[in-house]
Amino acid sequence: MLNSGNCSDCTACGSCHETPNIDTPNLFCLNCQPSDAPCLLACSNNAIEVLGGAITINSEKCIKCRDCVFVCPLNIIKI
């Protein structure tokens, strides 16, 4: 989990830089509460799911519209 208050721009976690055109959407997030997660609320295809308390992307449902990318407060969703 990225703690934005402790970010040193080291790029080790991969959250600091966008990676365009990823074939498989990437997300395993514990930052937002699922009931308030902007990405989950923005996904019109219900591809953002909660798995064991973490927010993830179901790549079989994801149509790569990037609506979730635009609303993520930490900019960690890669599609």
C-alpha atoms as a PDB file:
ATOM      1  CA  MET A   1       0.000   0.000   0.000  1.00  0.00           C
ATOM      2  CA  LEU A   2       1.286   3.409  -0.936  1.00  0.00           C
ATOM      3  CA  ASN A   3       1.307   5.877   1.918  1.00  0.00           C
ATOM      4  CA  SER A   4       1.278   9.174   0.047  1.00  0.00           C
ATOM      5  CA  GLY A   5       2.566  11.042   3.111  1.00  0.00           C
ATOM      6  CA  ASN A   6       5.749   8.948   3.038  1.00  0.00           C
ATOM      7  CA  CYS A   7       6.341   8.971  -0.707  1.00  0.00           C
ATOM      8  CA  SER A   8       9.918   9.866  -1.601  1.00  0.00           C
ATOM      9  CA  ASP A   9       9.491   9.486  -5.389  1.00  0.00           C
ATOM     10  CA  CYS A  10      11.869   6.514  -5.324  1.00  0.00           C
ATOM     11  CA  THR A  11       9.757   4.744  -8.007  1.00  0.00           C
ATOM     12  CA  ALA A  12      10.371   1.378  -6.280  1.00  0.00           C
ATOM     13  CA  CYS A  13       6.673   0.621  -5.848  1.00  0.00           C
ATOM     14  CA  GLY A  14       5.740   1.710  -9.358  1.00  0.00           C
ATOM     15  CA  SER A  15       3.010   4.036  -8.141  1.00  0.00           C
ATOM     16  CA  CYS A  16       4.737   7.257  -9.104  1.00  0.00           C
ATOM     17  CA  HIS A  17       4.738   6.769 -12.850  1.00  0.00           C
ATOM     18  CA  GLU A  18       1.912   5.834 -15.160  1.00  0.00           C
ATOM     19  CA  THR A  19       2.463   2.800 -17.328  1.00  0.00           C
ATOM     20  CA  PRO A  20       0.382   3.254 -20.482  1.00  0.00           C
ATOM     21  CA  ASN A  21      -1.139   0.451 -22.513  1.00  0.00           C
ATOM     22  CA  ILE A  22      -0.870  -2.371 -20.000  1.00  0.00           C
ATOM     23  CA  ASP A  23      -2.530  -5.531 -21.288  1.00  0.00           C
ATOM     24  CA  THR A  24      -3.735  -6.614 -17.840  1.00  0.00           C
ATOM     25  CA  PRO A  25      -5.142  -3.932 -15.543  1.00  0.00           C
ATOM     26  CA  ASN A  26      -3.225  -3.737 -12.258  1.00  0.00           C
ATOM     27  CA  LEU A  27      -4.618  -2.840  -8.848  1.00  0.00           C
ATOM     28  CA  PHE A  28      -4.378  -4.177  -5.313  1.00  0.00           C
ATOM     29  CA  CYS A  29      -5.274  -1.286  -3.045  1.00  0.00           C
ATOM     30  CA  LEU A  30      -5.997  -0.964   0.652  1.00  0.00           C
ATOM     31  CA  ASN A  31      -6.018   2.843   0.732  1.00  0.00           C
ATOM     32  CA  CYS A  32      -9.740   3.609   0.357  1.00  0.00           C
ATOM     33  CA  GLN A  33     -12.601   2.029   2.210  1.00  0.00           C
ATOM     34  CA  PRO A  34     -14.576   0.004  -0.332  1.00  0.00           C
ATOM     35  CA  SER A  35     -17.769   1.901   0.469  1.00  0.00           C
ATOM     36  CA  ASP A  36     -16.056   5.198  -0.428  1.00  0.00           C
ATOM     37  CA  ALA A  37     -13.588   4.105  -3.117  1.00  0.00           C
ATOM     38  CA  PRO A  38     -13.876   6.525  -6.051  1.00  0.00           C
ATOM     39  CA  CYS A  39     -12.672   3.880  -8.514  1.00  0.00           C
ATOM     40  CA  LEU A  40     -15.303   1.378  -7.417  1.00  0.00           C
ATOM     41  CA  LEU A  41     -18.022   4.008  -7.708  1.00  0.00           C
ATOM     42  CA  ALA A  42     -16.764   5.180 -11.127  1.00  0.00           C
ATOM     43  CA  CYS A  43     -16.616   1.767 -12.774  1.00  0.00           C
ATOM     44  CA  SER A  44     -19.726   1.352 -14.907  1.00  0.00           C
ATOM     45  CA  ASN A  45     -18.805  -2.238 -15.803  1.00  0.00           C
ATOM     46  CA  ASN A  46     -18.453  -3.449 -12.175  1.00  0.00           C
ATOM     47  CA  ALA A  47     -14.859  -4.513 -12.860  1.00  0.00           C
ATOM     48  CA  ILE A  48     -13.585  -2.974  -9.616  1.00  0.00           C
ATOM     49  CA  GLU A  49     -14.140  -5.527  -6.873  1.00  0.00           C
ATOM     50  CA  VAL A  50     -13.338  -6.040  -3.213  1.00  0.00           C
ATOM     51  CA  LEU A  51     -11.263  -9.126  -2.458  1.00  0.00           C
ATOM     52  CA  GLY A  52     -10.393  -9.785   1.172  1.00  0.00           C
ATOM     53  CA  GLY A  53     -10.707  -6.091   1.994  1.00  0.00           C
ATOM     54  CA  ALA A  54      -8.492  -4.986  -0.916  1.00  0.00           C
ATOM     55  CA  ILE A  55      -9.805  -3.229  -3.988  1.00  0.00           C
ATOM     56  CA  THR A  56      -8.863  -5.055  -7.183  1.00  0.00           C
ATOM     57  CA  ILE A  57      -9.662  -5.022 -10.894  1.00  0.00           C
ATOM     58  CA  ASN A  58     -11.352  -8.038 -12.447  1.00  0.00           C
ATOM     59  CA  SER A  59      -9.491  -8.123 -15.771  1.00  0.00           C
ATOM     60  CA  GLU A  60     -12.223 -10.250 -17.348  1.00  0.00           C
ATOM     61  CA  LYS A  61     -14.796  -7.482 -16.758  1.00  0.00           C
ATOM     62  CA  CYS A  62     -12.522  -4.493 -17.363  1.00  0.00           C
ATOM     63  CA  ILE A  63     -13.093  -2.771 -20.722  1.00  0.00           C
ATOM     64  CA  LYS A  64     -10.122  -0.403 -20.153  1.00  0.00           C
ATOM     65  CA  CYS A  65     -12.239   2.754 -20.244  1.00  0.00           C
ATOM     66  CA  ARG A  66      -9.888   4.318 -17.634  1.00  0.00           C
ATOM     67  CA  ASP A  67     -12.734   5.958 -15.673  1.00  0.00           C
ATOM     68  CA  CYS A  68     -11.188   4.507 -12.509  1.00  0.00           C
ATOM     69  CA  VAL A  69      -7.752   5.905 -13.391  1.00  0.00           C
ATOM     70  CA  PHE A  70      -9.090   9.458 -13.574  1.00  0.00           C
ATOM     71  CA  VAL A  71     -10.736   9.356 -10.126  1.00  0.00           C
ATOM     72  CA  CYS A  72      -8.036   7.541  -8.133  1.00  0.00           C
ATOM     73  CA  PRO A  73      -6.765   9.950  -5.447  1.00  0.00           C
ATOM     74  CA  LEU A  74      -3.323   8.251  -5.383  1.00  0.00           C
ATOM     75  CA  ASN A  75      -2.943   7.717  -9.133  1.00  0.00           C
ATOM     76  CA  ILE A  76      -1.994   4.057  -8.644  1.00  0.00           C
ATOM     77  CA  ILE A  77      -4.330   2.328 -11.090  1.00  0.00           C
ATOM     78  CA  LYS A  78      -2.501   1.128 -14.189  1.00  0.00           C
ATOM     79  CA  ILE A  79      -4.477   0.440 -17.364  1.00  0.00           C
END
